[in-house]
Structure formats: C-alpha cells, structure tokens
C-alpha cells in the first residue's frame, strides 16, 4: 500500500504492533518545545562514559552572575586571599607569602639596575701629588670594583686615566690647573672592574690631585 491521502479530513491511524526494525529515516523528526525543560528534556539512562572526545561547544549558565556561573574552590579550601601574610591551611594565596623564601637559582630576572643608595657605598679619599698609578681599591679575591660616584680636582695641568689593573678603562683625560672631573651617582656603575684586580687612577704629572671615589665591592 503506497499511502493514504484524504484531503480536508483528519485521519488517525493506529499501529497494531511495534515499529519494525530497520535503517530507514522517517522524514524530519522534531522535539516537542511546548514546555522547555520538560517536554524537550533529555534524560541520560546512565553516567556519561569516560573518554577524550569533545562535546561540541559548551558554555556556562550566566543567568545569575555569582550563582549560576560560580566556580567553587577546591574541596577543603576557603578561597583565594589577596594581600600578604603567612600561608593559611585552607587559603590559596595569589601573592608570595612572607614565610616563603625565593627559591635559590642563578637565572637573571630580565635586566635589573643596582641602586644601592649612599649608605651602601664605600668611599675612599684621593689625595696625592705624585705622578703615576694611585690604587683606589686594592685587589680582593673573587670581588670586583664597581665605581658609582667620583670627584677629582687637579691643582695643576695633568691627565687622568682610569685603570682596571694594567688595563686602561678610559683614554687620558686632560685637566687644566683647577680643573675637575665629576661622575654623578647613577643606577648603573660608571666602571666595573674584573675580579681580584685593583682599581686605579693614573695621574700623569706630579701635581696635586684631590677628591673622593664611591664604590662597591661585589
């Protein structure tokens, strides 16, 4: 029987048995949307099976922000606390607690400048009328000199050269009588010597030079 068609009349057909098994598609079947959540509800007969497949695209219920979309903390945790302080047994911290030290390591954190301030600097007087090398900082095992500030006044014409041991760090800088050389404090050292090497100022003429040098050994 190919089908039953009666125009203008409602025909009700009753099946006397179960639908026969098969693989044919029965046209276009929809879901009853009369009462969303009830007539169109789908119930799982068992738990969702374990697996690695993704279930399309899923979202979070945004009906009531803070309630329907709330994320509960880990079981036993009281939540996330800001600020600093000791570690709480049930609190996740988002800042480094004061009772936890930084781990030891040798990695550099980007580029950092040393800003020791005047209190951390060691100073040495410059006072000589002799020509030649004047050792400002003696060689120290495993330590190098970092020069942060410098002031020098020459009583007569001379040239001044900074040296790291026997290695010159500058050319000969000419000073007339009464001339001065000033290196203001900076976050980075003006000169950094090599380890276990003396830091020297060379005075080319036998004229009085006076001043002060500020440095750190590290």
C-alpha atoms as a PDB file:
ATOM      1  CA  UNK A   1       0.000   0.000   0.000  1.00  0.00           C
ATOM      2  CA  UNK A   2       1.785   3.197  -1.145  1.00  0.00           C
ATOM      3  CA  UNK A   3      -0.007   5.597   1.282  1.00  0.00           C
ATOM      4  CA  UNK A   4      -3.282   7.119   2.488  1.00  0.00           C
ATOM      5  CA  UNK A   5      -4.281  10.657   1.455  1.00  0.00           C
ATOM      6  CA  UNK A   6      -7.689  12.219   2.150  1.00  0.00           C
ATOM      7  CA  UNK A   7      -7.851  15.979   1.558  1.00  0.00           C
ATOM      8  CA  UNK A   8      -9.704  18.122   4.138  1.00  0.00           C
ATOM      9  CA  UNK A   9     -10.115  15.242   6.570  1.00  0.00           C
ATOM     10  CA  UNK A  10      -8.099  14.241   9.635  1.00  0.00           C
ATOM     11  CA  UNK A  11      -7.215  10.596   9.557  1.00  0.00           C
ATOM     12  CA  UNK A  12      -5.972   8.774  12.624  1.00  0.00           C
ATOM     13  CA  UNK A  13      -4.009   5.593  12.078  1.00  0.00           C
ATOM     14  CA  UNK A  14      -3.329   3.199  14.906  1.00  0.00           C
ATOM     15  CA  UNK A  15      -0.439   0.755  14.776  1.00  0.00           C
ATOM     16  CA  UNK A  16      -1.344  -2.698  15.936  1.00  0.00           C
ATOM     17  CA  UNK A  17       2.253  -3.595  16.775  1.00  0.00           C
ATOM     18  CA  UNK A  18       5.741  -2.199  17.335  1.00  0.00           C
ATOM     19  CA  UNK A  19       7.535  -0.315  14.594  1.00  0.00           C
ATOM     20  CA  UNK A  20       9.525  -2.763  12.556  1.00  0.00           C
ATOM     21  CA  UNK A  21      13.306  -2.632  12.911  1.00  0.00           C
ATOM     22  CA  UNK A  22      15.232  -1.086  10.062  1.00  0.00           C
ATOM     23  CA  UNK A  23      17.616   1.634   8.944  1.00  0.00           C
ATOM     24  CA  UNK A  24      15.230   3.913   7.026  1.00  0.00           C
ATOM     25  CA  UNK A  25      14.914   7.567   8.119  1.00  0.00           C
ATOM     26  CA  UNK A  26      11.361   8.691   8.958  1.00  0.00           C
ATOM     27  CA  UNK A  27      11.380  12.104   7.282  1.00  0.00           C
ATOM     28  CA  UNK A  28      12.164  15.086   9.557  1.00  0.00           C
ATOM     29  CA  UNK A  29      11.505  14.475  13.269  1.00  0.00           C
ATOM     30  CA  UNK A  30      11.389  17.368  15.768  1.00  0.00           C
ATOM     31  CA  UNK A  31      11.285  17.676  19.563  1.00  0.00           C
ATOM     32  CA  UNK A  32       8.204  18.966  21.401  1.00  0.00           C
ATOM     33  CA  UNK A  33       9.084  22.525  22.516  1.00  0.00           C
ATOM     34  CA  UNK A  34       5.809  23.208  24.346  1.00  0.00           C
ATOM     35  CA  UNK A  35       7.426  23.386  27.789  1.00  0.00           C
ATOM     36  CA  UNK A  36      11.199  23.911  27.571  1.00  0.00           C
ATOM     37  CA  UNK A  37      12.969  21.768  30.123  1.00  0.00           C
ATOM     38  CA  UNK A  38      10.030  19.386  30.359  1.00  0.00           C
ATOM     39  CA  UNK A  39       8.606  18.320  27.004  1.00  0.00           C
ATOM     40  CA  UNK A  40      12.006  18.709  25.347  1.00  0.00           C
ATOM     41  CA  UNK A  41      14.036  17.319  28.241  1.00  0.00           C
ATOM     42  CA  UNK A  42      16.529  14.577  27.535  1.00  0.00           C
ATOM     43  CA  UNK A  43      17.453  12.193  30.317  1.00  0.00           C
ATOM     44  CA  UNK A  44      20.576  10.093  30.472  1.00  0.00           C
ATOM     45  CA  UNK A  45      19.985   6.487  31.361  1.00  0.00           C
ATOM     46  CA  UNK A  46      23.454   6.211  32.844  1.00  0.00           C
ATOM     47  CA  UNK A  47      26.532   8.297  33.620  1.00  0.00           C
ATOM     48  CA  UNK A  48      28.412   9.859  30.698  1.00  0.00           C
ATOM     49  CA  UNK A  49      31.077   7.359  29.685  1.00  0.00           C
ATOM     50  CA  UNK A  50      34.722   8.290  30.180  1.00  0.00           C
ATOM     51  CA  UNK A  51      36.597   9.409  27.113  1.00  0.00           C
ATOM     52  CA  UNK A  52      38.670  12.110  25.443  1.00  0.00           C
ATOM     53  CA  UNK A  53      36.164  13.325  22.835  1.00  0.00           C
ATOM     54  CA  UNK A  54      34.984  16.953  22.997  1.00  0.00           C
ATOM     55  CA  UNK A  55      31.240  17.611  23.283  1.00  0.00           C
ATOM     56  CA  UNK A  56      30.995  20.390  20.729  1.00  0.00           C
ATOM     57  CA  UNK A  57      30.978  23.865  22.282  1.00  0.00           C
ATOM     58  CA  UNK A  58      29.837  24.269  25.874  1.00  0.00           C
ATOM     59  CA  UNK A  59      29.123  27.425  27.860  1.00  0.00           C
ATOM     60  CA  UNK A  60      28.457  28.478  31.463  1.00  0.00           C
ATOM     61  CA  UNK A  61      24.983  29.467  32.669  1.00  0.00           C
ATOM     62  CA  UNK A  62      25.108  33.275  33.019  1.00  0.00           C
ATOM     63  CA  UNK A  63      21.535  33.672  34.332  1.00  0.00           C
ATOM     64  CA  UNK A  64      22.602  34.819  37.797  1.00  0.00           C
ATOM     65  CA  UNK A  65      26.228  36.035  37.879  1.00  0.00           C
ATOM     66  CA  UNK A  66      27.952  34.777  41.009  1.00  0.00           C
ATOM     67  CA  UNK A  67      25.447  31.936  41.426  1.00  0.00           C
ATOM     68  CA  UNK A  68      24.719  30.015  38.234  1.00  0.00           C
ATOM     69  CA  UNK A  69      28.197  30.783  36.882  1.00  0.00           C
ATOM     70  CA  UNK A  70      30.035  30.474  40.211  1.00  0.00           C
ATOM     71  CA  UNK A  71      33.128  28.318  40.454  1.00  0.00           C
ATOM     72  CA  UNK A  72      33.560  26.574  43.785  1.00  0.00           C
ATOM     73  CA  UNK A  73      37.029  26.472  45.394  1.00  0.00           C
ATOM     74  CA  UNK A  74      38.913  23.231  45.796  1.00  0.00           C
ATOM     75  CA  UNK A  75      37.436  20.990  48.447  1.00  0.00           C
ATOM     76  CA  UNK A  76      38.799  21.991  51.834  1.00  0.00           C
ATOM     77  CA  UNK A  77      39.891  25.407  50.600  1.00  0.00           C
ATOM     78  CA  UNK A  78      38.384  28.660  51.806  1.00  0.00           C
ATOM     79  CA  UNK A  79      39.008  30.502  48.546  1.00  0.00           C
ATOM     80  CA  UNK A  80      41.623  32.929  47.273  1.00  0.00           C
ATOM     81  CA  UNK A  81      43.004  35.626  49.555  1.00  0.00           C
ATOM     82  CA  UNK A  82      44.791  38.773  48.472  1.00  0.00           C
ATOM     83  CA  UNK A  83      47.499  40.612  50.350  1.00  0.00           C
ATOM     84  CA  UNK A  84      50.488  39.167  52.129  1.00  0.00           C
ATOM     85  CA  UNK A  85      50.993  37.151  55.265  1.00  0.00           C
ATOM     86  CA  UNK A  86      51.616  33.614  56.390  1.00  0.00           C
ATOM     87  CA  UNK A  87      50.267  30.688  54.410  1.00  0.00           C
ATOM     88  CA  UNK A  88      46.805  29.572  55.544  1.00  0.00           C
ATOM     89  CA  UNK A  89      45.980  25.858  55.675  1.00  0.00           C
ATOM     90  CA  UNK A  90      42.780  26.379  53.673  1.00  0.00           C
ATOM     91  CA  UNK A  91      43.590  29.527  51.704  1.00  0.00           C
ATOM     92  CA  UNK A  92      45.089  29.789  48.246  1.00  0.00           C
ATOM     93  CA  UNK A  93      47.362  32.829  48.013  1.00  0.00           C
ATOM     94  CA  UNK A  94      47.901  34.906  44.923  1.00  0.00           C
ATOM     95  CA  UNK A  95      50.954  36.731  46.319  1.00  0.00           C
ATOM     96  CA  UNK A  96      54.194  35.430  47.775  1.00  0.00           C
ATOM     97  CA  UNK A  97      53.664  34.753  51.463  1.00  0.00           C
ATOM     98  CA  UNK A  98      56.128  36.296  53.901  1.00  0.00           C
ATOM     99  CA  UNK A  99      57.109  32.916  55.336  1.00  0.00           C
ATOM    100  CA  UNK A 100      58.175  31.525  51.951  1.00  0.00           C
ATOM    101  CA  UNK A 101      61.597  32.463  50.635  1.00  0.00           C
ATOM    102  CA  UNK A 102      62.505  32.810  46.969  1.00  0.00           C
ATOM    103  CA  UNK A 103      63.982  29.601  45.600  1.00  0.00           C
ATOM    104  CA  UNK A 104      67.718  29.559  45.056  1.00  0.00           C
ATOM    105  CA  UNK A 105      68.914  29.834  41.491  1.00  0.00           C
ATOM    106  CA  UNK A 106      71.218  31.556  39.042  1.00  0.00           C
ATOM    107  CA  UNK A 107      68.726  32.785  36.445  1.00  0.00           C
ATOM    108  CA  UNK A 108      68.606  36.548  35.816  1.00  0.00           C
ATOM    109  CA  UNK A 109      65.213  38.283  36.037  1.00  0.00           C
ATOM    110  CA  UNK A 110      65.416  40.446  32.936  1.00  0.00           C
ATOM    111  CA  UNK A 111      67.632  43.499  33.379  1.00  0.00           C
ATOM    112  CA  UNK A 112      67.985  44.935  36.860  1.00  0.00           C
ATOM    113  CA  UNK A 113      69.888  48.009  37.978  1.00  0.00           C
ATOM    114  CA  UNK A 114      71.699  48.269  41.280  1.00  0.00           C
ATOM    115  CA  UNK A 115      70.584  51.329  43.211  1.00  0.00           C
ATOM    116  CA  UNK A 116      72.459  50.945  46.473  1.00  0.00           C
ATOM    117  CA  UNK A 117      71.992  54.486  47.776  1.00  0.00           C
ATOM    118  CA  UNK A 118      74.703  56.475  49.516  1.00  0.00           C
ATOM    119  CA  UNK A 119      74.609  54.385  52.692  1.00  0.00           C
ATOM    120  CA  UNK A 120      75.668  51.228  50.864  1.00  0.00           C
ATOM    121  CA  UNK A 121      78.632  52.777  49.076  1.00  0.00           C
ATOM    122  CA  UNK A 122      82.188  52.686  50.366  1.00  0.00           C
ATOM    123  CA  UNK A 123      84.261  55.805  49.764  1.00  0.00           C
ATOM    124  CA  UNK A 124      87.981  56.427  49.528  1.00  0.00           C
ATOM    125  CA  UNK A 125      89.904  59.727  49.612  1.00  0.00           C
ATOM    126  CA  UNK A 126      92.020  60.874  46.671  1.00  0.00           C
ATOM    127  CA  UNK A 127      94.987  62.921  47.896  1.00  0.00           C
ATOM    128  CA  UNK A 128      98.348  62.730  46.139  1.00  0.00           C
ATOM    129  CA  UNK A 129     100.894  64.984  44.454  1.00  0.00           C
ATOM    130  CA  UNK A 130     102.797  62.087  42.858  1.00  0.00           C
ATOM    131  CA  UNK A 131     102.658  61.075  39.239  1.00  0.00           C
ATOM    132  CA  UNK A 132     101.802  57.526  38.216  1.00  0.00           C
ATOM    133  CA  UNK A 133      99.267  54.963  39.406  1.00  0.00           C
ATOM    134  CA  UNK A 134      97.162  55.621  42.507  1.00  0.00           C
ATOM    135  CA  UNK A 135      95.387  52.478  43.758  1.00  0.00           C
ATOM    136  CA  UNK A 136      91.904  53.452  44.932  1.00  0.00           C
ATOM    137  CA  UNK A 137      90.685  49.904  45.681  1.00  0.00           C
ATOM    138  CA  UNK A 138      93.086  47.038  46.309  1.00  0.00           C
ATOM    139  CA  UNK A 139      92.628  43.697  44.597  1.00  0.00           C
ATOM    140  CA  UNK A 140      90.216  41.488  46.560  1.00  0.00           C
ATOM    141  CA  UNK A 141      89.808  37.772  45.962  1.00  0.00           C
ATOM    142  CA  UNK A 142      86.644  36.902  43.993  1.00  0.00           C
ATOM    143  CA  UNK A 143      85.433  40.533  44.202  1.00  0.00           C
ATOM    144  CA  UNK A 144      85.301  43.276  41.569  1.00  0.00           C
ATOM    145  CA  UNK A 145      85.055  47.053  41.982  1.00  0.00           C
ATOM    146  CA  UNK A 146      82.007  48.968  40.756  1.00  0.00           C
ATOM    147  CA  UNK A 147      82.530  52.736  40.705  1.00  0.00           C
ATOM    148  CA  UNK A 148      79.306  54.760  41.214  1.00  0.00           C
ATOM    149  CA  UNK A 149      80.495  58.307  42.076  1.00  0.00           C
ATOM    150  CA  UNK A 150      83.724  60.192  41.581  1.00  0.00           C
ATOM    151  CA  UNK A 151      85.070  63.696  42.218  1.00  0.00           C
ATOM    152  CA  UNK A 152      88.577  64.915  41.440  1.00  0.00           C
ATOM    153  CA  UNK A 153      90.174  68.386  41.297  1.00  0.00           C
ATOM    154  CA  UNK A 154      93.665  68.967  39.841  1.00  0.00           C
ATOM    155  CA  UNK A 155      95.925  71.716  41.206  1.00  0.00           C
ATOM    156  CA  UNK A 156      97.985  71.725  38.008  1.00  0.00           C
ATOM    157  CA  UNK A 157      97.776  70.564  34.409  1.00  0.00           C
ATOM    158  CA  UNK A 158      97.667  66.783  34.128  1.00  0.00           C
ATOM    159  CA  UNK A 159      95.837  63.881  32.508  1.00  0.00           C
ATOM    160  CA  UNK A 160      93.748  61.318  34.387  1.00  0.00           C
ATOM    161  CA  UNK A 161      93.210  57.704  33.283  1.00  0.00           C
ATOM    162  CA  UNK A 162      91.020  55.067  34.940  1.00  0.00           C
ATOM    163  CA  UNK A 163      92.517  51.579  35.005  1.00  0.00           C
ATOM    164  CA  UNK A 164      91.443  48.043  35.924  1.00  0.00           C
ATOM    165  CA  UNK A 165      94.817  46.708  36.999  1.00  0.00           C
ATOM    166  CA  UNK A 166      97.044  47.106  33.944  1.00  0.00           C
ATOM    167  CA  UNK A 167      94.055  47.536  31.597  1.00  0.00           C
ATOM    168  CA  UNK A 168      93.030  51.107  30.783  1.00  0.00           C
ATOM    169  CA  UNK A 169      89.284  51.818  31.079  1.00  0.00           C
ATOM    170  CA  UNK A 170      89.491  55.308  29.547  1.00  0.00           C
ATOM    171  CA  UNK A 171      91.840  57.368  27.496  1.00  0.00           C
ATOM    172  CA  UNK A 172      93.949  60.081  29.136  1.00  0.00           C
ATOM    173  CA  UNK A 173      91.544  62.888  30.173  1.00  0.00           C
ATOM    174  CA  UNK A 174      93.164  66.332  30.201  1.00  0.00           C
ATOM    175  CA  UNK A 175      92.649  68.649  33.155  1.00  0.00           C
ATOM    176  CA  UNK A 176      93.974  72.203  33.363  1.00  0.00           C
ATOM    177  CA  UNK A 177      95.087  73.744  36.658  1.00  0.00           C
ATOM    178  CA  UNK A 178      91.981  73.986  38.822  1.00  0.00           C
ATOM    179  CA  UNK A 179      90.074  71.652  36.513  1.00  0.00           C
ATOM    180  CA  UNK A 180      87.756  68.976  37.889  1.00  0.00           C
ATOM    181  CA  UNK A 181      86.301  65.622  36.916  1.00  0.00           C
ATOM    182  CA  UNK A 182      82.879  64.631  38.304  1.00  0.00           C
ATOM    183  CA  UNK A 183      80.922  61.400  37.794  1.00  0.00           C
ATOM    184  CA  UNK A 184      77.474  61.761  39.373  1.00  0.00           C
ATOM    185  CA  UNK A 185      75.667  58.862  41.032  1.00  0.00           C
ATOM    186  CA  UNK A 186      73.803  56.577  38.622  1.00  0.00           C
ATOM    187  CA  UNK A 187      71.774  53.406  38.985  1.00  0.00           C
ATOM    188  CA  UNK A 188      74.458  51.622  36.975  1.00  0.00           C
ATOM    189  CA  UNK A 189      78.174  51.803  37.787  1.00  0.00           C
ATOM    190  CA  UNK A 190      80.381  54.031  35.665  1.00  0.00           C
ATOM    191  CA  UNK A 191      83.066  51.331  35.684  1.00  0.00           C
ATOM    192  CA  UNK A 192      83.082  47.649  36.636  1.00  0.00           C
ATOM    193  CA  UNK A 193      86.438  46.019  37.196  1.00  0.00           C
ATOM    194  CA  UNK A 194      87.379  42.375  36.973  1.00  0.00           C
ATOM    195  CA  UNK A 195      87.599  40.069  39.976  1.00  0.00           C
ATOM    196  CA  UNK A 196      90.720  40.147  42.126  1.00  0.00           C
ATOM    197  CA  UNK A 197      92.039  43.257  40.312  1.00  0.00           C
ATOM    198  CA  UNK A 198      92.958  46.660  41.732  1.00  0.00           C
ATOM    199  CA  UNK A 199      91.034  49.752  40.629  1.00  0.00           C
ATOM    200  CA  UNK A 200      93.483  52.525  39.752  1.00  0.00           C
ATOM    201  CA  UNK A 201      93.580  56.210  38.798  1.00  0.00           C
ATOM    202  CA  UNK A 202      96.686  57.308  36.893  1.00  0.00           C
ATOM    203  CA  UNK A 203      97.979  60.871  37.344  1.00  0.00           C
ATOM    204  CA  UNK A 204     100.346  61.761  34.512  1.00  0.00           C
ATOM    205  CA  UNK A 205     102.037  64.741  36.183  1.00  0.00           C
ATOM    206  CA  UNK A 206     103.481  65.317  39.643  1.00  0.00           C
ATOM    207  CA  UNK A 207     100.702  67.750  40.614  1.00  0.00           C
ATOM    208  CA  UNK A 208      98.257  67.617  43.491  1.00  0.00           C
ATOM    209  CA  UNK A 209      95.000  65.821  42.769  1.00  0.00           C
ATOM    210  CA  UNK A 210      92.285  65.703  45.417  1.00  0.00           C
ATOM    211  CA  UNK A 211      88.807  64.175  45.569  1.00  0.00           C
ATOM    212  CA  UNK A 212      86.796  61.129  46.552  1.00  0.00           C
ATOM    213  CA  UNK A 213      85.628  57.881  44.924  1.00  0.00           C
ATOM    214  CA  UNK A 214      82.486  55.913  45.889  1.00  0.00           C
ATOM    215  CA  UNK A 215      82.329  52.220  45.052  1.00  0.00           C
ATOM    216  CA  UNK A 216      81.011  48.755  45.888  1.00  0.00           C
ATOM    217  CA  UNK A 217      82.958  45.503  46.044  1.00  0.00           C
ATOM    218  CA  UNK A 218      80.902  42.539  44.900  1.00  0.00           C
END
